């Protein structure tokens, strides 16, 4: 492959990455328990978060376990038991007879949001215990909040929370027309970027001739003007339209 072709491939890949990043879903963090989606919808978990240093979800038993419980409070820290669960967002307690072992799974200072399809993920990590955890927030119009701990299978500790707080109403969803416009804008952007690259690298053009199909697009305004004059004067313009 020639050097020019390699450069063309590399630049095309960069352009595709830019297009994907523009259209990808994201949630800009506003606080440890809120973020703003790319369409303007705000996720706010304050309704399922206590303010008295106690967890909203307290000692929820993991399914399939008889001694592993989890507590979670999104917006402000809580303290539970003795040990590392002091001013934390997420805590796990393991019970073995009369012994209770508390482990911090992260605090509000480490909170960060990401979007995975229809699920919003809230990530935490704890520098002291080394624990990494993720709270999966999924839409359920029928509940303010229910928690289902999944624990850890050698990876991050995972917690599922179903809540109506992440459900977008019809007015906040992206309409079909908006999706079409976003897609069209992305295609136009990619067309221009790739066209400029081809004109520059392959055809060695410069100036206005870097614009792909410059002759065609430069003639559009004039053709529109002639078309309008033809319509207004009912065809009596003296122009010949065979070239349009």
Protein backbone atom coordinates (compact mmCIF):
# COMPACT_ATOMS: atom_id res chain seq x y z
CA UNK A 1 0.00 0.00 0.00
CA UNK A 2 1.39 3.41 -0.98
CA UNK A 3 2.09 6.14 1.54
CA UNK A 4 -0.77 8.24 0.17
CA UNK A 5 -3.23 5.37 0.55
CA UNK A 6 -2.06 4.70 4.09
CA UNK A 7 -2.57 8.35 5.00
CA UNK A 8 -6.03 8.26 3.43
CA UNK A 9 -7.00 5.17 5.44
CA UNK A 10 -5.69 6.65 8.69
CA UNK A 11 -7.50 9.95 8.22
CA UNK A 12 -10.72 8.15 7.24
CA UNK A 13 -10.59 6.09 10.43
CA UNK A 14 -10.09 9.25 12.46
CA UNK A 15 -13.07 10.86 10.75
CA UNK A 16 -15.26 7.83 11.48
CA UNK A 17 -14.19 7.94 15.13
CA UNK A 18 -15.15 11.62 15.33
CA UNK A 19 -18.57 10.88 13.83
CA UNK A 20 -19.16 8.05 16.28
CA UNK A 21 -18.14 10.19 19.25
CA UNK A 22 -20.52 12.96 18.18
CA UNK A 23 -23.53 10.62 17.97
CA UNK A 24 -22.68 8.35 20.95
CA UNK A 25 -24.83 8.54 24.06
CA UNK A 26 -23.23 10.07 27.15
CA UNK A 27 -24.16 11.39 30.59
CA UNK A 28 -22.27 14.45 31.82
CA UNK A 29 -21.76 14.27 35.56
CA UNK A 30 -23.37 17.08 37.58
CA UNK A 31 -22.86 15.65 41.09
CA UNK A 32 -22.04 12.28 42.69
CA UNK A 33 -25.66 11.23 42.09
CA UNK A 34 -26.79 13.13 39.00
CA UNK A 35 -25.82 13.54 35.38
CA UNK A 36 -27.18 15.08 32.19
CA UNK A 37 -27.79 12.96 29.11
CA UNK A 38 -26.77 14.18 25.67
CA UNK A 39 -30.44 14.87 24.85
CA UNK A 40 -30.89 17.07 27.95
CA UNK A 41 -32.56 14.52 30.23
CA UNK A 42 -31.25 14.78 33.82
CA UNK A 43 -30.75 11.67 35.93
CA UNK A 44 -31.11 12.63 39.60
CA UNK A 45 -30.96 9.96 42.33
CA UNK A 46 -31.60 12.30 45.27
CA UNK A 47 -35.08 10.82 45.75
CA UNK A 48 -33.52 7.46 46.65
CA UNK A 49 -30.76 8.86 48.85
CA UNK A 50 -30.93 9.69 52.57
CA UNK A 51 -29.41 12.84 54.08
CA UNK A 52 -29.01 11.63 57.68
CA UNK A 53 -25.82 9.57 57.17
CA UNK A 54 -27.83 6.35 56.79
CA UNK A 55 -28.18 4.34 53.56
CA UNK A 56 -31.45 4.44 51.59
CA UNK A 57 -30.90 0.80 50.63
CA UNK A 58 -29.74 -0.93 53.83
CA UNK A 59 -28.51 -4.49 54.30
CA UNK A 60 -30.05 -5.94 51.14
CA UNK A 61 -29.27 -9.65 50.91
CA UNK A 62 -27.64 -10.90 47.74
CA UNK A 63 -29.69 -13.54 45.99
CA UNK A 64 -28.25 -16.99 46.55
CA UNK A 65 -26.42 -15.92 49.69
CA UNK A 66 -27.36 -16.12 53.35
CA UNK A 67 -24.61 -13.92 54.78
CA UNK A 68 -23.70 -11.24 52.20
CA UNK A 69 -25.54 -7.93 52.48
CA UNK A 70 -25.16 -4.59 50.69
CA UNK A 71 -26.04 -1.00 51.55
CA UNK A 72 -26.12 1.94 49.14
CA UNK A 73 -26.70 5.70 49.31
CA UNK A 74 -25.98 7.64 46.15
CA UNK A 75 -25.85 11.33 47.07
CA UNK A 76 -24.19 11.52 50.49
CA UNK A 77 -21.96 9.28 52.57
CA UNK A 78 -23.11 6.97 55.36
CA UNK A 79 -21.37 5.01 58.09
CA UNK A 80 -22.26 1.45 58.96
CA UNK A 81 -20.78 -0.97 61.50
CA UNK A 82 -17.12 -0.91 62.30
CA UNK A 83 -14.25 -1.04 59.89
CA UNK A 84 -13.88 0.62 56.51
CA UNK A 85 -17.53 1.61 55.88
CA UNK A 86 -17.20 5.19 57.06
CA UNK A 87 -18.62 8.00 54.91
CA UNK A 88 -19.11 5.67 51.95
CA UNK A 89 -21.57 5.30 49.07
CA UNK A 90 -21.56 1.51 48.95
CA UNK A 91 -20.82 -1.03 51.68
CA UNK A 92 -20.78 -4.82 51.91
CA UNK A 93 -21.09 -6.80 55.12
CA UNK A 94 -20.21 -10.48 55.43
CA UNK A 95 -21.67 -12.30 58.41
CA UNK A 96 -20.02 -15.41 59.83
CA UNK A 97 -21.70 -16.40 63.08
CA UNK A 98 -21.30 -13.55 65.54
CA UNK A 99 -18.63 -11.89 63.38
CA UNK A 100 -19.58 -9.09 60.96
CA UNK A 101 -16.99 -7.86 58.47
CA UNK A 102 -17.63 -4.52 56.75
CA UNK A 103 -15.97 -3.57 53.46
CA UNK A 104 -16.16 -0.25 51.63
CA UNK A 105 -16.91 -0.58 47.93
CA UNK A 106 -16.48 3.12 47.14
CA UNK A 107 -17.39 6.65 48.17
CA UNK A 108 -19.03 9.61 46.45
CA UNK A 109 -15.64 11.14 45.65
CA UNK A 110 -14.94 8.32 43.18
CA UNK A 111 -18.36 8.33 41.49
CA UNK A 112 -18.53 8.50 37.69
CA UNK A 113 -21.26 7.85 35.12
CA UNK A 114 -21.32 5.98 31.83
CA UNK A 115 -24.05 4.82 29.46
CA UNK A 116 -24.40 1.26 28.20
CA UNK A 117 -27.40 1.06 25.89
CA UNK A 118 -30.54 1.62 27.97
CA UNK A 119 -28.63 1.21 31.24
CA UNK A 120 -26.82 4.00 33.10
CA UNK A 121 -23.82 2.80 35.08
CA UNK A 122 -22.55 4.49 38.24
CA UNK A 123 -18.95 3.49 38.95
CA UNK A 124 -17.04 3.51 42.24
CA UNK A 125 -13.67 2.42 43.52
CA UNK A 126 -12.09 2.30 46.96
CA UNK A 127 -8.41 3.11 47.23
CA UNK A 128 -7.96 1.43 50.61
CA UNK A 129 -9.73 -1.87 50.00
CA UNK A 130 -8.98 -1.94 46.27
CA UNK A 131 -12.62 -2.75 45.55
CA UNK A 132 -14.21 -1.70 42.26
CA UNK A 133 -17.98 -1.60 41.91
CA UNK A 134 -20.67 -0.58 39.45
CA UNK A 135 -24.34 0.20 40.06
CA UNK A 136 -26.48 -0.57 37.01
CA UNK A 137 -29.47 1.80 36.84
CA UNK A 138 -32.34 0.55 34.67
CA UNK A 139 -35.78 2.02 33.98
CA UNK A 140 -38.84 0.71 35.81
CA UNK A 141 -41.84 3.05 35.78
CA UNK A 142 -43.46 1.02 38.57
CA UNK A 143 -40.97 1.67 41.34
CA UNK A 144 -39.05 4.54 42.91
CA UNK A 145 -36.19 2.18 43.58
CA UNK A 146 -35.45 -1.51 44.21
CA UNK A 147 -31.98 -2.97 44.67
CA UNK A 148 -30.72 -6.39 43.63
CA UNK A 149 -27.07 -7.02 44.60
CA UNK A 150 -25.19 -9.42 42.35
CA UNK A 151 -21.90 -9.39 44.26
CA UNK A 152 -18.58 -10.12 42.60
CA UNK A 153 -17.52 -13.05 40.45
CA UNK A 154 -13.86 -12.16 40.31
CA UNK A 155 -14.53 -8.74 38.78
CA UNK A 156 -16.24 -5.56 39.95
CA UNK A 157 -18.97 -5.77 42.56
CA UNK A 158 -22.24 -5.33 40.67
CA UNK A 159 -25.51 -3.89 41.96
CA UNK A 160 -28.72 -3.68 39.92
CA UNK A 161 -31.15 -0.89 40.74
CA UNK A 162 -34.51 -0.52 39.00
CA UNK A 163 -36.01 2.96 39.26
CA UNK A 164 -38.34 5.32 37.45
CA UNK A 165 -35.78 8.08 37.98
CA UNK A 166 -33.90 6.99 34.86
CA UNK A 167 -37.02 6.61 32.69
CA UNK A 168 -37.24 9.28 30.03
CA UNK A 169 -40.73 10.54 29.30
CA UNK A 170 -41.90 11.02 25.73
CA UNK A 171 -40.98 14.70 25.66
CA UNK A 172 -37.36 14.00 26.56
CA UNK A 173 -36.76 11.15 24.14
CA UNK A 174 -35.05 11.83 20.85
CA UNK A 175 -37.70 11.90 18.15
CA UNK A 176 -37.44 9.93 14.92
CA UNK A 177 -36.99 13.22 13.04
CA UNK A 178 -34.08 14.18 15.30
CA UNK A 179 -32.44 10.80 14.73
CA UNK A 180 -32.77 11.26 10.96
CA UNK A 181 -31.28 14.77 11.17
CA UNK A 182 -28.38 13.56 13.31
CA UNK A 183 -27.72 10.74 10.88
CA UNK A 184 -27.90 13.08 7.88
CA UNK A 185 -25.55 15.58 9.53
CA UNK A 186 -23.09 12.77 10.30
CA UNK A 187 -23.17 11.60 6.66
CA UNK A 188 -22.62 15.15 5.37
CA UNK A 189 -19.74 15.66 7.82
CA UNK A 190 -18.08 12.40 6.77
CA UNK A 191 -18.65 13.24 3.08
CA UNK A 192 -16.92 16.60 3.46
CA UNK A 193 -14.00 15.28 5.53
CA UNK A 194 -13.34 12.30 3.27
CA UNK A 195 -13.80 14.43 0.16
CA UNK A 196 -11.28 17.02 1.35
CA UNK A 197 -8.79 14.24 2.16
CA UNK A 198 -9.16 12.71 -1.31
CA UNK A 199 -8.84 16.11 -3.01
CA UNK A 200 -5.75 16.97 -0.96
CA UNK A 201 -3.89 13.66 -0.83
CA UNK A 202 -4.89 11.93 -4.05
CA UNK A 203 -5.74 14.75 -6.46
CA UNK A 204 -3.29 17.33 -5.03
CA UNK A 205 -5.90 20.10 -5.03
CA UNK A 206 -5.79 23.25 -2.92
CA UNK A 207 -7.93 26.24 -1.99
CA UNK A 208 -11.64 26.07 -2.82
CA UNK A 209 -11.00 23.00 -4.96
CA UNK A 210 -10.49 21.00 -1.76
CA UNK A 211 -14.30 21.02 -1.51
CA UNK A 212 -15.58 17.76 -3.04
CA UNK A 213 -17.51 18.33 -6.29
CA UNK A 214 -16.81 22.05 -6.06
CA UNK A 215 -18.04 22.79 -9.60
CA UNK A 216 -21.40 21.17 -8.87
CA UNK A 217 -22.00 22.92 -5.53
CA UNK A 218 -20.78 26.32 -6.77
CA UNK A 219 -23.41 26.23 -9.53
CA UNK A 220 -26.30 25.51 -7.16
CA UNK A 221 -27.00 29.13 -6.05
CA UNK A 222 -27.15 30.34 -9.64
CA UNK A 223 -29.44 27.50 -10.69
CA UNK A 224 -31.73 28.21 -7.75
CA UNK A 225 -31.93 31.88 -8.73
CA UNK A 226 -32.76 31.00 -12.34
CA UNK A 227 -35.37 28.51 -11.15
CA UNK A 228 -37.04 31.11 -8.95
CA UNK A 229 -37.08 33.63 -11.80
CA UNK A 230 -38.59 31.01 -14.10
CA UNK A 231 -41.34 30.26 -11.58
CA UNK A 232 -42.12 33.91 -10.83
CA UNK A 233 -42.29 34.90 -14.52
CA UNK A 234 -44.12 31.74 -15.58
CA UNK A 235 -41.27 30.63 -17.81
CA UNK A 236 -40.83 33.94 -19.64
CA UNK A 237 -37.22 34.60 -18.65
CA UNK A 238 -35.38 34.14 -21.90
CA UNK A 239 -33.10 31.55 -20.24
CA UNK A 240 -32.46 28.10 -21.60
CA UNK A 241 -32.85 25.41 -18.93
CA UNK A 242 -31.33 22.45 -20.75
CA UNK A 243 -28.12 22.83 -18.76
CA UNK A 244 -29.82 22.61 -15.33
